[in-house]
C-alpha atoms as a PDB file:
ATOM      1  CA  MET A   1      80.536 107.642 112.530  1.00  0.00           C
ATOM      2  CA  GLU A   2      77.765 110.725 111.969  1.00  0.00           C
ATOM      3  CA  GLU A   3      75.025 111.047 109.261  1.00  0.00           C
ATOM      4  CA  LEU A   4      77.026 113.964 107.683  1.00  0.00           C
ATOM      5  CA  ASP A   5      80.559 111.646 107.362  1.00  0.00           C
ATOM      6  CA  ARG A   6      78.543 109.097 106.265  1.00  0.00           C
ATOM      7  CA  ARG A   7      77.012 111.000 103.624  1.00  0.00           C
ATOM      8  CA  LEU A   8      80.337 112.764 102.533  1.00  0.00           C
ATOM      9  CA  VAL A   9      82.450 109.112 102.389  1.00  0.00           C
ATOM     10  CA  SER A  10      79.232 107.806 100.151  1.00  0.00           C
ATOM     11  CA  LEU A  11      79.679 110.900  97.711  1.00  0.00           C
ATOM     12  CA  LEU A  12      83.558 110.253  97.769  1.00  0.00           C
ATOM     13  CA  VAL A  13      82.635 106.526  96.730  1.00  0.00           C
ATOM     14  CA  ALA A  14      80.643 107.174  94.077  1.00  0.00           C
ATOM     15  CA  ASP A  15      82.810 110.534  92.741  1.00  0.00           C
ATOM     16  CA  GLY A  16      86.713 110.795  94.467  1.00  0.00           C
ATOM     17  CA  ARG A  17      87.268 114.060  92.255  1.00  0.00           C
ATOM     18  CA  MET A  18      83.804 115.951  93.845  1.00  0.00           C
ATOM     19  CA  SER A  19      85.323 119.618  94.718  1.00  0.00           C
ATOM     20  CA  TYR A  20      85.154 120.476  98.533  1.00  0.00           C
ATOM     21  CA  THR A  21      82.008 123.097  96.860  1.00  0.00           C
ATOM     22  CA  ASP A  22      80.266 120.457  94.979  1.00  0.00           C
ATOM     23  CA  LEU A  23      80.529 117.881  98.525  1.00  0.00           C
ATOM     24  CA  GLY A  24      79.136 121.401 100.062  1.00  0.00           C
ATOM     25  CA  LYS A  25      76.441 121.855  98.211  1.00  0.00           C
ATOM     26  CA  ALA A  26      75.050 118.269  98.380  1.00  0.00           C
ATOM     27  CA  THR A  27      75.510 117.782 102.072  1.00  0.00           C
ATOM     28  CA  GLY A  28      74.820 121.680 103.448  1.00  0.00           C
ATOM     29  CA  LEU A  29      78.041 122.532 104.486  1.00  0.00           C
ATOM     30  CA  SER A  30      79.981 125.240 103.826  1.00  0.00           C
ATOM     31  CA  THR A  31      83.455 124.228 101.355  1.00  0.00           C
ATOM     32  CA  SER A  32      85.636 124.880 104.964  1.00  0.00           C
ATOM     33  CA  ALA A  33      83.361 122.864 107.117  1.00  0.00           C
ATOM     34  CA  VAL A  34      83.308 119.629 103.946  1.00  0.00           C
ATOM     35  CA  HIS A  35      87.800 120.456 103.935  1.00  0.00           C
ATOM     36  CA  GLN A  36      87.987 120.259 107.457  1.00  0.00           C
ATOM     37  CA  ARG A  37      85.890 117.203 107.798  1.00  0.00           C
ATOM     38  CA  VAL A  38      87.205 114.897 104.516  1.00  0.00           C
ATOM     39  CA  ARG A  39      90.695 115.632 106.194  1.00  0.00           C
ATOM     40  CA  ARG A  40      89.448 114.371 109.688  1.00  0.00           C
ATOM     41  CA  LEU A  41      87.874 110.895 108.023  1.00  0.00           C
ATOM     42  CA  GLU A  42      91.592 110.843 106.229  1.00  0.00           C
ATOM     43  CA  GLN A  43      93.533 111.646 109.454  1.00  0.00           C
ATOM     44  CA  ARG A  44      91.360 109.006 111.120  1.00  0.00           C
ATOM     45  CA  GLY A  45      91.639 106.015 108.440  1.00  0.00           C
ATOM     46  CA  VAL A  46      88.062 106.172 107.151  1.00  0.00           C
ATOM     47  CA  ILE A  47      89.593 107.593 103.587  1.00  0.00           C
ATOM     48  CA  THR A  48      92.603 105.816 103.041  1.00  0.00           C
ATOM     49  CA  GLY A  49      93.127 107.148  99.558  1.00  0.00           C
ATOM     50  CA  TYR A  50      91.764 107.969  96.355  1.00  0.00           C
ATOM     51  CA  ARG A  51      92.306 105.997  92.783  1.00  0.00           C
ATOM     52  CA  ALA A  52      90.813 105.939  89.419  1.00  0.00           C
ATOM     53  CA  ASP A  53      88.997 102.896  88.398  1.00  0.00           C
ATOM     54  CA  ILE A  54      89.761 101.520  84.746  1.00  0.00           C
ATOM     55  CA  ALA A  55      88.536  99.389  82.579  1.00  0.00           C
ATOM     56  CA  PRO A  56      91.156  96.198  82.515  1.00  0.00           C
ATOM     57  CA  ASP A  57      90.303  94.858  78.911  1.00  0.00           C
ATOM     58  CA  GLN A  58      91.404  98.617  77.420  1.00  0.00           C
ATOM     59  CA  ILE A  59      94.552  98.624  79.293  1.00  0.00           C
ATOM     60  CA  GLY A  60      95.203  95.033  77.633  1.00  0.00           C
ATOM     61  CA  LEU A  61      94.020  92.934  80.819  1.00  0.00           C
ATOM     62  CA  PRO A  62      90.806  91.211  79.429  1.00  0.00           C
ATOM     63  CA  LEU A  63      90.987  87.846  82.294  1.00  0.00           C
ATOM     64  CA  THR A  64      90.090  87.999  86.184  1.00  0.00           C
ATOM     65  CA  ALA A  65      90.694  84.806  87.904  1.00  0.00           C
ATOM     66  CA  LEU A  66      90.349  84.232  91.423  1.00  0.00           C
ATOM     67  CA  VAL A  67      93.814  82.002  92.592  1.00  0.00           C
ATOM     68  CA  SER A  68      93.087  79.540  96.069  1.00  0.00           C
ATOM     69  CA  VAL A  69      96.732  79.163  97.546  1.00  0.00           C
ATOM     70  CA  THR A  70      97.192  76.618 100.556  1.00  0.00           C
ATOM     71  CA  PRO A  71     100.797  76.598 101.812  1.00  0.00           C
ATOM     72  CA  PHE A  72     102.626  72.971 101.235  1.00  0.00           C
ATOM     73  CA  ASP A  73     104.045  73.707 104.833  1.00  0.00           C
ATOM     74  CA  PRO A  74     101.002  74.410 107.022  1.00  0.00           C
ATOM     75  CA  SER A  75     103.579  74.587 109.981  1.00  0.00           C
ATOM     76  CA  ALA A  76     105.706  77.816 107.766  1.00  0.00           C
ATOM     77  CA  PRO A  77     105.289  81.105 109.153  1.00  0.00           C
ATOM     78  CA  ASP A  78     102.330  82.166 107.344  1.00  0.00           C
ATOM     79  CA  ASP A  79     103.886  84.779 104.551  1.00  0.00           C
ATOM     80  CA  VAL A  80     102.454  84.620 101.895  1.00  0.00           C
ATOM     81  CA  PRO A  81     100.807  87.795 101.355  1.00  0.00           C
ATOM     82  CA  GLU A  82     104.584  89.475 101.795  1.00  0.00           C
ATOM     83  CA  ARG A  83     105.814  86.889  99.680  1.00  0.00           C
ATOM     84  CA  LEU A  84     103.622  87.952  97.013  1.00  0.00           C
ATOM     85  CA  ILE A  85     103.562  91.842  97.386  1.00  0.00           C
ATOM     86  CA  HIS A  86     105.973  91.856  94.650  1.00  0.00           C
ATOM     87  CA  ILE A  87     103.906  90.383  91.877  1.00  0.00           C
ATOM     88  CA  ARG A  88     101.688  93.134  90.239  1.00  0.00           C
ATOM     89  CA  GLU A  89      99.309  90.892  88.390  1.00  0.00           C
ATOM     90  CA  ILE A  90      97.794  90.294  92.177  1.00  0.00           C
ATOM     91  CA  GLU A  91      94.971  92.834  92.155  1.00  0.00           C
ATOM     92  CA  ASP A  92      93.296  91.919  95.797  1.00  0.00           C
ATOM     93  CA  CYS A  93      94.501  89.074  98.686  1.00  0.00           C
ATOM     94  CA  TYR A  94      91.854  88.181 100.740  1.00  0.00           C
ATOM     95  CA  SER A  95      92.850  85.447 104.104  1.00  0.00           C
ATOM     96  CA  VAL A  96      90.191  83.259 104.129  1.00  0.00           C
ATOM     97  CA  ALA A  97      88.514  80.663 106.376  1.00  0.00           C
ATOM     98  CA  GLY A  98      88.435  76.834 104.732  1.00  0.00           C
ATOM     99  CA  ASP A  99      90.427  74.597 103.379  1.00  0.00           C
ATOM    100  CA  GLU A 100      92.502  77.428 101.426  1.00  0.00           C
ATOM    101  CA  SER A 101      94.686  80.130 103.159  1.00  0.00           C
ATOM    102  CA  TYR A 102      94.432  82.656 100.643  1.00  0.00           C
ATOM    103  CA  VAL A 103      92.037  83.932  97.580  1.00  0.00           C
ATOM    104  CA  LEU A 104      93.700  86.538  95.466  1.00  0.00           C
ATOM    105  CA  LYS A 105      92.364  88.558  92.896  1.00  0.00           C
ATOM    106  CA  VAL A 106      94.208  88.657  89.728  1.00  0.00           C
ATOM    107  CA  ARG A 107      94.094  89.903  85.741  1.00  0.00           C
ATOM    108  CA  VAL A 108      96.528  89.093  82.988  1.00  0.00           C
ATOM    109  CA  GLY A 109      96.338  89.372  79.163  1.00  0.00           C
ATOM    110  CA  THR A 110      95.415  85.986  77.936  1.00  0.00           C
ATOM    111  CA  PRO A 111      95.489  82.127  79.008  1.00  0.00           C
ATOM    112  CA  GLY A 112      99.251  81.738  78.120  1.00  0.00           C
ATOM    113  CA  ASP A 113     100.057  85.015  81.352  1.00  0.00           C
ATOM    114  CA  LEU A 114      98.153  83.178  83.722  1.00  0.00           C
ATOM    115  CA  GLU A 115      99.728  80.385  82.954  1.00  0.00           C
ATOM    116  CA  ASP A 116     103.135  82.103  83.551  1.00  0.00           C
ATOM    117  CA  LEU A 117     101.975  84.123  86.450  1.00  0.00           C
ATOM    118  CA  LEU A 118     100.516  80.695  88.307  1.00  0.00           C
ATOM    119  CA  ALA A 119     104.263  79.482  88.489  1.00  0.00           C
ATOM    120  CA  ARG A 120     105.466  82.638  89.933  1.00  0.00           C
ATOM    121  CA  ILE A 121     102.917  82.348  92.602  1.00  0.00           C
ATOM    122  CA  ARG A 122     103.708  78.679  93.553  1.00  0.00           C
ATOM    123  CA  SER A 123     107.498  79.568  93.349  1.00  0.00           C
ATOM    124  CA  ALA A 124     107.231  82.831  95.269  1.00  0.00           C
ATOM    125  CA  ALA A 125     105.359  81.930  97.683  1.00  0.00           C
ATOM    126  CA  SER A 126     105.405  77.792  98.282  1.00  0.00           C
ATOM    127  CA  VAL A 127     101.716  77.268  98.163  1.00  0.00           C
ATOM    128  CA  SER A 128      99.550  74.897  95.718  1.00  0.00           C
ATOM    129  CA  THR A 129      96.905  76.800  93.925  1.00  0.00           C
ATOM    130  CA  ARG A 130      93.257  76.099  92.646  1.00  0.00           C
ATOM    131  CA  THR A 131      92.087  78.597  90.245  1.00  0.00           C
ATOM    132  CA  THR A 132      88.369  79.923  88.884  1.00  0.00           C
ATOM    133  CA  VAL A 133      88.946  82.241  85.618  1.00  0.00           C
ATOM    134  CA  VAL A 134      85.941  84.522  85.713  1.00  0.00           C
ATOM    135  CA  LEU A 135      83.625  84.410  82.765  1.00  0.00           C
ATOM    136  CA  SER A 136      81.726  88.065  83.025  1.00  0.00           C
ATOM    137  CA  THR A 137      81.300  90.818  86.110  1.00  0.00           C
ATOM    138  CA  PRO A 138      78.070  91.758  85.849  1.00  0.00           C
ATOM    139  CA  TRP A 139      79.291  93.702  88.885  1.00  0.00           C
ATOM    140  CA  GLU A 140      82.057  94.681  91.279  1.00  0.00           C
ATOM    141  CA  GLY A 141      82.996  97.490  93.701  1.00  0.00           C
ATOM    142  CA  ARG A 142      79.877  97.953  95.635  1.00  0.00           C
ATOM    143  CA  SER A 143      81.519  99.418  98.600  1.00  0.00           C
ATOM    144  CA  GLY A 144      80.341 102.575  98.344  1.00  0.00           C
ATOM    145  CA  GLN A 145      76.538 101.718  97.528  1.00  0.00           C
ATOM    146  CA  ARG A 146      76.193 100.184 101.365  1.00  0.00           C
ATOM    147  CA  ILE A 147      77.669 103.093 103.490  1.00  0.00           C
ATOM    148  CA  ASP A 148      74.563 104.547 103.900  1.00  0.00           C
ATOM    149  CA  ASP A 149      73.092 101.616 105.145  1.00  0.00           C
ATOM    150  CA  HIS A 150      74.794 101.791 108.304  1.00  0.00           C
END
């Protein structure tokens, strides 16, 4: 990826609402050139979307947990992500190497909500779970800080 494209991506990761005019000022490009480059980055799949980052505790989801899942039947089709996609409390699903097959990042309101969620995960995907409750999050979402490093 070209250096200018890296810079645009880095700026948009930091502020997805940055205007084409402001992006142009930060990169030395015209507004129309920025618009064309951003559109190409979207078409190529480099930029996959824009979103608002929220404070989970401010919307009633203060409890974050990492849930490792292991299928009861290792010979069954590997369709765990498809079986769990409808469960809204699951924010992220990672396929991992090791004893477990997937690690899920979940957010809920209370320990009781987590207990209910774990039962739904086990039932929906025919898996066993191992759960780690997050005590605090010093930082997360660092992907944008690494763009300029490559």
